[in-house]
Amino acid sequence: MSTFLSTSSAVASGDVDIDTLVVRLYAQFLDSTDLSVNYRDLVAQMINKRQTRLIVNIDDLRAFNAAEAKILLKNPSLRLIAFEQALREMVESINHLYARETEGQLRIGITGPLGAHSLNPRMLAAHYLGSLVSIEGIVTRWESRGFGGASDPFSGSPGHLIARMPGAERRAAPRGTNSGGCRRCKMAPPV
């Protein structure tokens, strides 16, 4: 387990902002030798193979810092940005030419058991929006219901509407009639 400066104490002292601390935490994670995998070696292999994505096991992050792993699952949008910044810094320290070539292209992929965030397509629900999820399964049928609301636009004359008539034509008609035009506002039916 790595020792890491408490986020609240460092931010309270005003020395560093929270984003810098999170990037530093992920940089320590990538440099750690206490994990089952040496991520510095994986980054070097990634550079040699000219790849741009590093796959990280969530179990290694849980072993390093369980609280940060939970935050990553709940709100990955901000944490993945910090993780990718730490990856960019490590790539820069290993091979600065490759870092320049891949500016803005280095990404982090997450693998491993996500617990309650491992879903199948039927289990997707709105409360997972914004969370990191793993979806396993095959979608064999998809149905999308479009909005088919009716509208009655006003024709310009008091009490008259442009009504939908059979045949998908719009004609000016007083409310409740099926005539082809409006006698009051002299609006002719479409040709």
C-alpha atoms as a PDB file:
ATOM      1  CA  MET A   1       0.000   0.000   0.000  1.00  0.00           C
ATOM      2  CA  SER A   2       1.379   3.361  -0.975  1.00  0.00           C
ATOM      3  CA  THR A   3       1.513   6.304   1.368  1.00  0.00           C
ATOM      4  CA  PHE A   4      -0.151   9.344  -0.092  1.00  0.00           C
ATOM      5  CA  LEU A   5      -0.602  12.856   1.195  1.00  0.00           C
ATOM      6  CA  SER A   6      -4.117  13.379   2.464  1.00  0.00           C
ATOM      7  CA  THR A   7      -6.165  15.263  -0.087  1.00  0.00           C
ATOM      8  CA  SER A   8      -8.029  17.362   2.466  1.00  0.00           C
ATOM      9  CA  SER A   9      -4.905  18.467   4.359  1.00  0.00           C
ATOM     10  CA  ALA A  10      -3.016  19.464   1.208  1.00  0.00           C
ATOM     11  CA  VAL A  11      -5.947  21.369  -0.243  1.00  0.00           C
ATOM     12  CA  ALA A  12      -6.681  23.044   3.103  1.00  0.00           C
ATOM     13  CA  SER A  13      -3.091  24.249   3.362  1.00  0.00           C
ATOM     14  CA  GLY A  14      -3.465  25.838  -0.093  1.00  0.00           C
ATOM     15  CA  ASP A  15      -0.289  24.210  -1.453  1.00  0.00           C
ATOM     16  CA  VAL A  16      -1.900  22.228  -4.270  1.00  0.00           C
ATOM     17  CA  ASP A  17      -5.294  21.995  -5.917  1.00  0.00           C
ATOM     18  CA  ILE A  18      -7.287  18.767  -5.946  1.00  0.00           C
ATOM     19  CA  ASP A  19      -6.677  18.021  -9.641  1.00  0.00           C
ATOM     20  CA  THR A  20      -2.916  18.068  -9.130  1.00  0.00           C
ATOM     21  CA  LEU A  21      -3.243  15.706  -6.171  1.00  0.00           C
ATOM     22  CA  VAL A  22      -5.347  13.236  -8.147  1.00  0.00           C
ATOM     23  CA  VAL A  23      -2.853  13.299 -11.046  1.00  0.00           C
ATOM     24  CA  ARG A  24      -0.057  12.736  -8.525  1.00  0.00           C
ATOM     25  CA  LEU A  25      -1.983   9.798  -7.004  1.00  0.00           C
ATOM     26  CA  TYR A  26      -2.357   8.130 -10.401  1.00  0.00           C
ATOM     27  CA  ALA A  27       1.307   8.815 -11.212  1.00  0.00           C
ATOM     28  CA  GLN A  28       2.255   7.057  -7.965  1.00  0.00           C
ATOM     29  CA  PHE A  29      -0.032   4.181  -8.925  1.00  0.00           C
ATOM     30  CA  LEU A  30       1.629   3.793 -12.338  1.00  0.00           C
ATOM     31  CA  ASP A  31       5.097   3.935 -10.715  1.00  0.00           C
ATOM     32  CA  SER A  32       4.244   1.512  -7.897  1.00  0.00           C
ATOM     33  CA  THR A  33       6.184  -1.752  -7.718  1.00  0.00           C
ATOM     34  CA  ASP A  34       3.948  -3.265  -5.009  1.00  0.00           C
ATOM     35  CA  LEU A  35       1.250  -4.290  -7.495  1.00  0.00           C
ATOM     36  CA  SER A  36       0.768  -7.590  -9.323  1.00  0.00           C
ATOM     37  CA  VAL A  37       1.754  -5.849 -12.577  1.00  0.00           C
ATOM     38  CA  ASN A  38       4.522  -3.337 -13.168  1.00  0.00           C
ATOM     39  CA  TYR A  39       2.729  -0.594 -15.092  1.00  0.00           C
ATOM     40  CA  ARG A  40       5.975   1.236 -15.919  1.00  0.00           C
ATOM     41  CA  ASP A  41       7.034  -1.842 -17.914  1.00  0.00           C
ATOM     42  CA  LEU A  42       3.593  -1.999 -19.567  1.00  0.00           C
ATOM     43  CA  VAL A  43       3.903   1.665 -20.573  1.00  0.00           C
ATOM     44  CA  ALA A  44       7.347   0.957 -22.066  1.00  0.00           C
ATOM     45  CA  GLN A  45       5.861  -1.993 -24.011  1.00  0.00           C
ATOM     46  CA  MET A  46       2.986   0.223 -25.145  1.00  0.00           C
ATOM     47  CA  ILE A  47       5.496   2.763 -26.489  1.00  0.00           C
ATOM     48  CA  ASN A  48       7.570   0.073 -28.251  1.00  0.00           C
ATOM     49  CA  LYS A  49       4.440  -1.330 -29.942  1.00  0.00           C
ATOM     50  CA  ARG A  50       3.339   2.224 -30.899  1.00  0.00           C
ATOM     51  CA  GLN A  51       0.021   1.786 -29.062  1.00  0.00           C
ATOM     52  CA  THR A  52      -1.961   4.583 -27.441  1.00  0.00           C
ATOM     53  CA  ARG A  53      -4.093   2.738 -24.856  1.00  0.00           C
ATOM     54  CA  LEU A  54      -2.942   1.365 -21.507  1.00  0.00           C
ATOM     55  CA  ILE A  55      -5.249  -1.251 -19.984  1.00  0.00           C
ATOM     56  CA  VAL A  56      -5.387  -1.041 -16.172  1.00  0.00           C
ATOM     57  CA  ASN A  57      -6.911  -3.699 -13.932  1.00  0.00           C
ATOM     58  CA  ILE A  58      -9.357  -2.206 -11.431  1.00  0.00           C
ATOM     59  CA  ASP A  59      -8.202  -4.768  -8.832  1.00  0.00           C
ATOM     60  CA  ASP A  60      -4.709  -3.254  -8.903  1.00  0.00           C
ATOM     61  CA  LEU A  61      -6.197   0.176  -8.276  1.00  0.00           C
ATOM     62  CA  ARG A  62      -8.319  -1.260  -5.436  1.00  0.00           C
ATOM     63  CA  ALA A  63      -5.190  -2.768  -3.869  1.00  0.00           C
ATOM     64  CA  PHE A  64      -3.394   0.570  -4.184  1.00  0.00           C
ATOM     65  CA  ASN A  65      -6.240   2.848  -3.039  1.00  0.00           C
ATOM     66  CA  ALA A  66      -9.734   1.395  -2.554  1.00  0.00           C
ATOM     67  CA  ALA A  67     -11.411   4.774  -2.076  1.00  0.00           C
ATOM     68  CA  GLU A  68     -10.043   6.075  -5.379  1.00  0.00           C
ATOM     69  CA  ALA A  69     -11.260   2.930  -7.170  1.00  0.00           C
ATOM     70  CA  LYS A  70     -14.801   3.623  -5.879  1.00  0.00           C
ATOM     71  CA  ILE A  71     -14.619   7.243  -7.005  1.00  0.00           C
ATOM     72  CA  LEU A  72     -13.415   6.135 -10.445  1.00  0.00           C
ATOM     73  CA  LEU A  73     -16.409   3.799 -10.795  1.00  0.00           C
ATOM     74  CA  LYS A  74     -18.930   6.429  -9.670  1.00  0.00           C
ATOM     75  CA  ASN A  75     -17.526   9.445 -11.555  1.00  0.00           C
ATOM     76  CA  PRO A  76     -15.080   8.375 -14.260  1.00  0.00           C
ATOM     77  CA  SER A  77     -15.262  11.530 -16.369  1.00  0.00           C
ATOM     78  CA  LEU A  78     -13.036  13.629 -14.098  1.00  0.00           C
ATOM     79  CA  ARG A  79     -10.858  10.810 -12.802  1.00  0.00           C
ATOM     80  CA  LEU A  80     -10.007   9.376 -16.229  1.00  0.00           C
ATOM     81  CA  ILE A  81      -8.780  12.809 -17.321  1.00  0.00           C
ATOM     82  CA  ALA A  82      -6.390  12.855 -14.353  1.00  0.00           C
ATOM     83  CA  PHE A  83      -5.371   9.236 -15.025  1.00  0.00           C
ATOM     84  CA  GLU A  84      -4.604  10.042 -18.667  1.00  0.00           C
ATOM     85  CA  GLN A  85      -2.596  13.097 -17.572  1.00  0.00           C
ATOM     86  CA  ALA A  86      -0.496  10.853 -15.299  1.00  0.00           C
ATOM     87  CA  LEU A  87      -0.008   8.456 -18.233  1.00  0.00           C
ATOM     88  CA  ARG A  88       1.116  11.361 -20.453  1.00  0.00           C
ATOM     89  CA  GLU A  89       3.647  12.419 -17.810  1.00  0.00           C
ATOM     90  CA  MET A  90       5.011   8.869 -17.572  1.00  0.00           C
ATOM     91  CA  VAL A  91       5.264   8.531 -21.365  1.00  0.00           C
ATOM     92  CA  GLU A  92       7.054  11.903 -21.433  1.00  0.00           C
ATOM     93  CA  SER A  93       9.574  10.647 -18.869  1.00  0.00           C
ATOM     94  CA  ILE A  94      10.214   7.429 -20.833  1.00  0.00           C
ATOM     95  CA  ASN A  95      10.177   8.734 -24.427  1.00  0.00           C
ATOM     96  CA  HIS A  96       9.495  12.430 -24.984  1.00  0.00           C
ATOM     97  CA  LEU A  97       9.437  12.063 -28.794  1.00  0.00           C
ATOM     98  CA  TYR A  98       6.617   9.503 -28.632  1.00  0.00           C
ATOM     99  CA  ALA A  99       4.802  11.754 -26.166  1.00  0.00           C
ATOM    100  CA  ARG A 100       4.891  14.583 -28.720  1.00  0.00           C
ATOM    101  CA  GLU A 101       3.700  12.283 -31.521  1.00  0.00           C
ATOM    102  CA  THR A 102       0.723  11.070 -29.497  1.00  0.00           C
ATOM    103  CA  GLU A 103      -0.273  14.406 -27.961  1.00  0.00           C
ATOM    104  CA  GLY A 104      -3.910  14.067 -26.878  1.00  0.00           C
ATOM    105  CA  GLN A 105      -4.210  10.445 -28.067  1.00  0.00           C
ATOM    106  CA  LEU A 106      -3.090   8.495 -24.971  1.00  0.00           C
ATOM    107  CA  ARG A 107      -5.990   6.745 -23.257  1.00  0.00           C
ATOM    108  CA  ILE A 108      -6.650   4.528 -20.241  1.00  0.00           C
ATOM    109  CA  GLY A 109      -8.796   1.394 -20.488  1.00  0.00           C
ATOM    110  CA  ILE A 110     -10.237  -0.296 -17.399  1.00  0.00           C
ATOM    111  CA  THR A 111     -10.572  -4.058 -17.083  1.00  0.00           C
ATOM    112  CA  GLY A 112     -11.397  -6.427 -14.257  1.00  0.00           C
ATOM    113  CA  PRO A 113     -14.419  -7.102 -12.079  1.00  0.00           C
ATOM    114  CA  LEU A 114     -16.548  -3.995 -11.659  1.00  0.00           C
ATOM    115  CA  GLY A 115     -18.949  -5.606  -9.193  1.00  0.00           C
ATOM    116  CA  ALA A 116     -22.400  -4.026  -9.370  1.00  0.00           C
ATOM    117  CA  HIS A 117     -21.250  -2.076 -12.436  1.00  0.00           C
ATOM    118  CA  SER A 118     -20.996  -5.277 -14.538  1.00  0.00           C
ATOM    119  CA  LEU A 119     -24.279  -5.326 -16.435  1.00  0.00           C
ATOM    120  CA  ASN A 120     -26.109  -6.948 -19.294  1.00  0.00           C
ATOM    121  CA  PRO A 121     -28.205  -4.874 -21.720  1.00  0.00           C
ATOM    122  CA  ARG A 122     -31.452  -5.534 -19.827  1.00  0.00           C
ATOM    123  CA  MET A 123     -29.987  -4.226 -16.572  1.00  0.00           C
ATOM    124  CA  LEU A 124     -29.088  -0.786 -17.931  1.00  0.00           C
ATOM    125  CA  ALA A 125     -30.900   1.891 -15.976  1.00  0.00           C
ATOM    126  CA  ALA A 126     -30.787   5.658 -15.642  1.00  0.00           C
ATOM    127  CA  HIS A 127     -28.932   5.597 -12.323  1.00  0.00           C
ATOM    128  CA  TYR A 128     -25.864   4.237 -14.143  1.00  0.00           C
ATOM    129  CA  LEU A 129     -25.603   7.407 -16.259  1.00  0.00           C
ATOM    130  CA  GLY A 130     -22.192   8.947 -15.756  1.00  0.00           C
ATOM    131  CA  SER A 131     -20.811   5.801 -14.095  1.00  0.00           C
ATOM    132  CA  LEU A 132     -18.227   3.372 -15.386  1.00  0.00           C
ATOM    133  CA  VAL A 133     -20.016   0.193 -16.488  1.00  0.00           C
ATOM    134  CA  SER A 134     -19.095  -3.036 -18.206  1.00  0.00           C
ATOM    135  CA  ILE A 135     -21.827  -4.376 -20.485  1.00  0.00           C
ATOM    136  CA  GLU A 136     -21.702  -8.039 -21.437  1.00  0.00           C
ATOM    137  CA  GLY A 137     -24.226  -9.676 -23.705  1.00  0.00           C
ATOM    138  CA  ILE A 138     -25.649  -9.471 -27.163  1.00  0.00           C
ATOM    139  CA  VAL A 139     -28.353  -7.045 -28.169  1.00  0.00           C
ATOM    140  CA  THR A 140     -30.632  -8.973 -30.519  1.00  0.00           C
ATOM    141  CA  ARG A 141     -33.479  -6.495 -30.736  1.00  0.00           C
ATOM    142  CA  TRP A 142     -33.711  -2.789 -30.117  1.00  0.00           C
ATOM    143  CA  GLU A 143     -36.850  -0.692 -30.085  1.00  0.00           C
ATOM    144  CA  SER A 144     -36.859   3.053 -30.062  1.00  0.00           C
ATOM    145  CA  ARG A 145     -40.150   4.793 -29.559  1.00  0.00           C
ATOM    146  CA  GLY A 146     -40.226   8.217 -31.117  1.00  0.00           C
ATOM    147  CA  PHE A 147     -42.309  11.100 -29.847  1.00  0.00           C
ATOM    148  CA  GLY A 148     -45.516  11.229 -31.859  1.00  0.00           C
ATOM    149  CA  GLY A 149     -47.399  14.035 -30.176  1.00  0.00           C
ATOM    150  CA  ALA A 150     -50.189  15.781 -32.043  1.00  0.00           C
ATOM    151  CA  SER A 151     -50.183  19.524 -32.450  1.00  0.00           C
ATOM    152  CA  ASP A 152     -52.841  21.981 -33.497  1.00  0.00           C
ATOM    153  CA  PRO A 153     -51.104  25.109 -34.803  1.00  0.00           C
ATOM    154  CA  PHE A 154     -53.194  28.275 -34.903  1.00  0.00           C
ATOM    155  CA  SER A 155     -54.142  29.624 -38.353  1.00  0.00           C
ATOM    156  CA  GLY A 156     -54.232  33.316 -37.509  1.00  0.00           C
ATOM    157  CA  SER A 157     -57.973  33.823 -37.235  1.00  0.00           C
ATOM    158  CA  PRO A 158     -59.542  33.657 -33.763  1.00  0.00           C
ATOM    159  CA  GLY A 159     -60.888  30.184 -33.070  1.00  0.00           C
ATOM    160  CA  HIS A 160     -59.403  28.606 -36.186  1.00  0.00           C
ATOM    161  CA  LEU A 161     -56.723  25.966 -36.267  1.00  0.00           C
ATOM    162  CA  ILE A 162     -54.717  24.275 -38.972  1.00  0.00           C
ATOM    163  CA  ALA A 163     -55.985  20.746 -38.433  1.00  0.00           C
ATOM    164  CA  ARG A 164     -54.474  17.483 -39.560  1.00  0.00           C
ATOM    165  CA  MET A 165     -56.716  15.864 -42.124  1.00  0.00           C
ATOM    166  CA  PRO A 166     -56.634  12.331 -43.487  1.00  0.00           C
ATOM    167  CA  GLY A 167     -53.971  12.000 -46.146  1.00  0.00           C
ATOM    168  CA  ALA A 168     -51.392  13.885 -44.026  1.00  0.00           C
ATOM    169  CA  GLU A 169     -52.384  17.258 -45.530  1.00  0.00           C
ATOM    170  CA  ARG A 170     -52.658  20.379 -43.430  1.00  0.00           C
ATOM    171  CA  ARG A 171     -55.621  22.545 -44.251  1.00  0.00           C
ATOM    172  CA  ALA A 172     -57.015  25.581 -42.587  1.00  0.00           C
ATOM    173  CA  ALA A 173     -60.305  24.631 -41.023  1.00  0.00           C
ATOM    174  CA  PRO A 174     -62.469  25.916 -38.228  1.00  0.00           C
ATOM    175  CA  ARG A 175     -62.193  23.746 -35.167  1.00  0.00           C
ATOM    176  CA  GLY A 176     -64.360  20.664 -35.493  1.00  0.00           C
ATOM    177  CA  THR A 177     -65.009  20.852 -39.262  1.00  0.00           C
ATOM    178  CA  ASN A 178     -63.496  19.001 -42.173  1.00  0.00           C
ATOM    179  CA  SER A 179     -63.818  21.709 -44.840  1.00  0.00           C
ATOM    180  CA  GLY A 180     -60.926  22.448 -47.152  1.00  0.00           C
ATOM    181  CA  GLY A 181     -60.387  26.139 -46.400  1.00  0.00           C
ATOM    182  CA  CYS A 182     -61.136  28.823 -43.875  1.00  0.00           C
ATOM    183  CA  ARG A 183     -63.880  31.277 -44.886  1.00  0.00           C
ATOM    184  CA  ARG A 184     -62.979  33.877 -42.277  1.00  0.00           C
ATOM    185  CA  CYS A 185     -59.228  34.195 -42.878  1.00  0.00           C
ATOM    186  CA  LYS A 186     -59.457  33.146 -46.547  1.00  0.00           C
ATOM    187  CA  MET A 187     -56.656  30.628 -46.093  1.00  0.00           C
ATOM    188  CA  ALA A 188     -56.739  28.158 -48.961  1.00  0.00           C
ATOM    189  CA  PRO A 189     -55.892  24.497 -48.582  1.00  0.00           C
ATOM    190  CA  PRO A 190     -52.375  23.458 -49.638  1.00  0.00           C
ATOM    191  CA  VAL A 191     -52.053  22.426 -53.276  1.00  0.00           C
END
